[in-house]
Amino acid sequence: MRIAPALTTCLLATACLAHDETPCTSEAEAKWQPLSAAVKKAESLGHQPKVAEIHHKCYEVRGKTKDGQRFELILNPVTLEPRPAK
């Protein structure tokens, strides 16, 4: 039966695309810095931000590096420190 290999491939691909859904902070949003500050931080690192959004109580900024490579920066919205890699 050919369904099993296709299903296995689909499940593996989905698992590989999964993001870490751990919140970056438990602080109230009133204590967060503005999202524009996260964009400015990415710019100060030499990046060209295209998208900035809130996801799982984290600021996510995506765009291109000065070398044209894609980047994703995940920041704590209170401190603007990058989330530690797992």
N, C-alpha and C. Protein backbone atom coordinates (compact mmCIF):
# COMPACT_ATOMS: atom_id res chain seq x y z
N MET A 1 0.84 -1.18 0.00
CA MET A 1 0.00 0.00 0.00
C MET A 1 0.89 1.24 0.00
N ARG A 2 0.59 2.22 -0.82
CA ARG A 2 1.43 3.39 -0.99
C ARG A 2 1.08 4.52 -0.04
N ILE A 3 0.05 4.43 0.70
CA ILE A 3 -0.36 5.51 1.60
C ILE A 3 0.63 5.66 2.75
N ALA A 4 1.14 4.58 3.28
CA ALA A 4 2.05 4.63 4.43
C ALA A 4 3.31 5.45 4.14
N PRO A 5 4.02 5.23 3.03
CA PRO A 5 5.21 6.05 2.77
C PRO A 5 4.88 7.53 2.60
N ALA A 6 3.79 7.83 1.93
CA ALA A 6 3.39 9.23 1.74
C ALA A 6 3.04 9.88 3.07
N LEU A 7 2.34 9.16 3.92
CA LEU A 7 1.96 9.68 5.23
C LEU A 7 3.20 9.90 6.10
N THR A 8 4.13 8.99 6.06
CA THR A 8 5.37 9.12 6.83
C THR A 8 6.15 10.35 6.38
N THR A 9 6.26 10.55 5.08
CA THR A 9 6.96 11.72 4.55
C THR A 9 6.30 13.00 5.00
N CYS A 10 4.99 13.04 4.95
CA CYS A 10 4.23 14.22 5.36
C CYS A 10 4.45 14.52 6.84
N LEU A 11 4.40 13.50 7.67
CA LEU A 11 4.58 13.70 9.11
C LEU A 11 5.99 14.17 9.43
N LEU A 12 6.99 13.62 8.77
CA LEU A 12 8.37 14.04 8.99
C LEU A 12 8.58 15.48 8.55
N ALA A 13 8.01 15.86 7.43
CA ALA A 13 8.15 17.23 6.95
C ALA A 13 7.48 18.21 7.91
N THR A 14 6.34 17.86 8.45
CA THR A 14 5.64 18.72 9.40
C THR A 14 6.45 18.87 10.67
N ALA A 15 7.04 17.82 11.17
CA ALA A 15 7.84 17.89 12.38
C ALA A 15 9.07 18.76 12.18
N CYS A 16 9.66 18.72 11.01
CA CYS A 16 10.84 19.53 10.74
C CYS A 16 10.52 21.02 10.68
N LEU A 17 9.31 21.37 10.32
CA LEU A 17 8.93 22.77 10.20
C LEU A 17 8.44 23.37 11.51
N ALA A 18 8.29 22.57 12.54
CA ALA A 18 7.74 23.04 13.80
C ALA A 18 8.68 24.04 14.47
N HIS A 19 8.11 25.11 15.00
CA HIS A 19 8.87 26.12 15.73
C HIS A 19 8.78 25.85 17.22
N ASP A 20 9.73 26.39 17.95
CA ASP A 20 9.68 26.34 19.40
C ASP A 20 8.56 27.27 19.85
N GLU A 21 7.59 26.75 20.56
CA GLU A 21 6.44 27.54 20.98
C GLU A 21 6.54 27.99 22.43
N THR A 22 7.75 27.91 23.00
CA THR A 22 7.96 28.36 24.37
C THR A 22 7.89 29.88 24.41
N PRO A 23 7.06 30.45 25.30
CA PRO A 23 6.99 31.92 25.38
C PRO A 23 8.34 32.51 25.79
N CYS A 24 8.65 33.70 25.29
CA CYS A 24 9.89 34.40 25.64
C CYS A 24 9.79 35.10 26.99
N THR A 25 8.57 35.41 27.41
CA THR A 25 8.38 36.13 28.66
C THR A 25 7.04 35.77 29.27
N SER A 26 6.94 35.99 30.57
CA SER A 26 5.65 35.85 31.25
C SER A 26 5.16 37.22 31.74
N GLU A 27 5.91 38.27 31.40
CA GLU A 27 5.55 39.64 31.80
C GLU A 27 4.31 40.12 31.05
N ALA A 28 3.57 41.02 31.69
CA ALA A 28 2.39 41.62 31.07
C ALA A 28 2.83 42.48 29.88
N GLU A 29 1.97 42.57 28.87
CA GLU A 29 2.31 43.34 27.68
C GLU A 29 2.58 44.81 27.98
N ALA A 30 2.06 45.32 29.06
CA ALA A 30 2.30 46.72 29.44
C ALA A 30 3.79 46.97 29.71
N LYS A 31 4.54 45.92 30.03
CA LYS A 31 5.98 46.05 30.32
C LYS A 31 6.85 45.83 29.07
N TRP A 32 6.22 45.47 27.96
CA TRP A 32 6.97 45.19 26.74
C TRP A 32 7.45 46.49 26.10
N GLN A 33 8.59 46.42 25.44
CA GLN A 33 9.05 47.53 24.61
C GLN A 33 8.23 47.50 23.31
N PRO A 34 8.16 48.63 22.61
CA PRO A 34 7.40 48.62 21.35
C PRO A 34 8.04 47.70 20.31
N LEU A 35 7.21 47.15 19.44
CA LEU A 35 7.70 46.27 18.37
C LEU A 35 8.69 47.01 17.48
N SER A 36 8.52 48.30 17.33
CA SER A 36 9.45 49.09 16.51
C SER A 36 10.87 49.04 17.10
N ALA A 37 11.01 48.87 18.41
CA ALA A 37 12.33 48.76 19.03
C ALA A 37 13.01 47.46 18.59
N ALA A 38 12.24 46.40 18.39
CA ALA A 38 12.80 45.14 17.91
C ALA A 38 13.31 45.30 16.47
N VAL A 39 12.56 46.04 15.67
CA VAL A 39 12.98 46.30 14.29
C VAL A 39 14.28 47.10 14.30
N LYS A 40 14.36 48.12 15.15
CA LYS A 40 15.58 48.94 15.24
C LYS A 40 16.77 48.11 15.70
N LYS A 41 16.53 47.14 16.60
CA LYS A 41 17.62 46.27 17.06
C LYS A 41 18.15 45.45 15.89
N ALA A 42 17.25 44.90 15.08
CA ALA A 42 17.67 44.12 13.91
C ALA A 42 18.46 45.00 12.94
N GLU A 43 18.01 46.23 12.75
CA GLU A 43 18.72 47.16 11.87
C GLU A 43 20.11 47.49 12.42
N SER A 44 20.22 47.61 13.74
CA SER A 44 21.51 47.93 14.36
C SER A 44 22.51 46.78 14.20
N LEU A 45 22.00 45.57 13.95
CA LEU A 45 22.86 44.41 13.70
C LEU A 45 23.22 44.29 12.22
N GLY A 46 22.77 45.24 11.41
CA GLY A 46 23.08 45.24 9.99
C GLY A 46 22.07 44.51 9.12
N HIS A 47 20.93 44.12 9.70
CA HIS A 47 19.91 43.41 8.94
C HIS A 47 18.93 44.38 8.29
N GLN A 48 18.21 43.87 7.29
CA GLN A 48 17.15 44.63 6.63
C GLN A 48 15.83 43.93 6.93
N PRO A 49 15.12 44.35 7.99
CA PRO A 49 13.87 43.69 8.37
C PRO A 49 12.78 43.87 7.31
N LYS A 50 12.03 42.82 7.08
CA LYS A 50 10.88 42.85 6.17
C LYS A 50 9.58 42.65 6.93
N VAL A 51 9.61 41.76 7.95
CA VAL A 51 8.41 41.42 8.71
C VAL A 51 8.76 41.42 10.19
N ALA A 52 7.90 42.03 10.99
CA ALA A 52 8.04 41.98 12.45
C ALA A 52 6.67 41.66 13.02
N GLU A 53 6.61 40.67 13.91
CA GLU A 53 5.33 40.27 14.47
C GLU A 53 5.52 39.67 15.86
N ILE A 54 4.41 39.51 16.54
CA ILE A 54 4.40 38.89 17.86
C ILE A 54 3.94 37.45 17.68
N HIS A 55 4.71 36.52 18.23
CA HIS A 55 4.37 35.10 18.11
C HIS A 55 4.79 34.41 19.40
N HIS A 56 3.86 33.81 20.09
CA HIS A 56 4.12 33.10 21.35
C HIS A 56 4.86 33.97 22.37
N LYS A 57 4.36 35.18 22.54
CA LYS A 57 4.94 36.15 23.49
C LYS A 57 6.42 36.43 23.20
N CYS A 58 6.76 36.40 21.93
CA CYS A 58 8.10 36.74 21.45
C CYS A 58 7.94 37.73 20.30
N TYR A 59 8.94 38.58 20.11
CA TYR A 59 9.02 39.38 18.90
C TYR A 59 9.81 38.58 17.89
N GLU A 60 9.27 38.44 16.69
CA GLU A 60 9.96 37.76 15.60
C GLU A 60 10.18 38.76 14.49
N VAL A 61 11.43 38.94 14.10
CA VAL A 61 11.78 39.85 13.03
C VAL A 61 12.49 39.03 11.96
N ARG A 62 11.98 39.14 10.72
CA ARG A 62 12.56 38.38 9.60
C ARG A 62 12.89 39.34 8.47
N GLY A 63 13.87 38.95 7.68
CA GLY A 63 14.26 39.76 6.53
C GLY A 63 15.54 39.23 5.93
N LYS A 64 16.40 40.16 5.48
CA LYS A 64 17.66 39.81 4.83
C LYS A 64 18.83 40.41 5.60
N THR A 65 19.93 39.68 5.61
CA THR A 65 21.16 40.23 6.18
C THR A 65 21.79 41.16 5.15
N LYS A 66 22.85 41.84 5.54
CA LYS A 66 23.52 42.73 4.59
C LYS A 66 24.14 41.94 3.44
N ASP A 67 24.34 40.63 3.63
CA ASP A 67 24.86 39.76 2.58
C ASP A 67 23.76 39.14 1.72
N GLY A 68 22.51 39.49 2.01
CA GLY A 68 21.40 38.97 1.21
C GLY A 68 20.83 37.65 1.69
N GLN A 69 21.34 37.14 2.81
CA GLN A 69 20.83 35.87 3.36
C GLN A 69 19.58 36.14 4.20
N ARG A 70 18.68 35.17 4.26
CA ARG A 70 17.50 35.32 5.11
C ARG A 70 17.90 35.18 6.58
N PHE A 71 17.20 35.92 7.45
CA PHE A 71 17.43 35.80 8.88
C PHE A 71 16.09 35.81 9.61
N GLU A 72 16.08 35.24 10.79
CA GLU A 72 14.96 35.32 11.72
C GLU A 72 15.54 35.59 13.09
N LEU A 73 15.10 36.66 13.71
CA LEU A 73 15.57 37.05 15.03
C LEU A 73 14.39 36.95 15.98
N ILE A 74 14.53 36.16 17.04
CA ILE A 74 13.47 35.99 18.02
C ILE A 74 13.93 36.64 19.31
N LEU A 75 13.18 37.67 19.75
CA LEU A 75 13.59 38.49 20.88
C LEU A 75 12.58 38.46 22.01
N ASN A 76 13.10 38.56 23.24
CA ASN A 76 12.26 38.77 24.41
C ASN A 76 11.70 40.19 24.30
N PRO A 77 10.39 40.39 24.35
CA PRO A 77 9.82 41.71 24.14
C PRO A 77 10.07 42.69 25.29
N VAL A 78 10.50 42.21 26.43
CA VAL A 78 10.79 43.10 27.57
C VAL A 78 12.23 43.59 27.49
N THR A 79 13.16 42.68 27.25
CA THR A 79 14.60 43.01 27.29
C THR A 79 15.21 43.20 25.90
N LEU A 80 14.53 42.71 24.87
CA LEU A 80 15.03 42.68 23.49
C LEU A 80 16.29 41.82 23.35
N GLU A 81 16.48 40.91 24.29
CA GLU A 81 17.58 39.95 24.19
C GLU A 81 17.12 38.77 23.33
N PRO A 82 18.02 38.22 22.49
CA PRO A 82 17.65 37.05 21.69
C PRO A 82 17.31 35.86 22.56
N ARG A 83 16.36 35.06 22.08
CA ARG A 83 16.01 33.84 22.81
C ARG A 83 17.17 32.86 22.66
N PRO A 84 17.59 32.25 23.76
CA PRO A 84 18.69 31.28 23.68
C PRO A 84 18.35 30.12 22.76
N ALA A 85 19.30 29.64 22.01
CA ALA A 85 19.10 28.49 21.14
C ALA A 85 18.92 27.24 21.98
N LYS A 86 18.08 26.33 21.52
CA LYS A 86 17.85 25.07 22.23
C LYS A 86 18.61 23.97 21.59
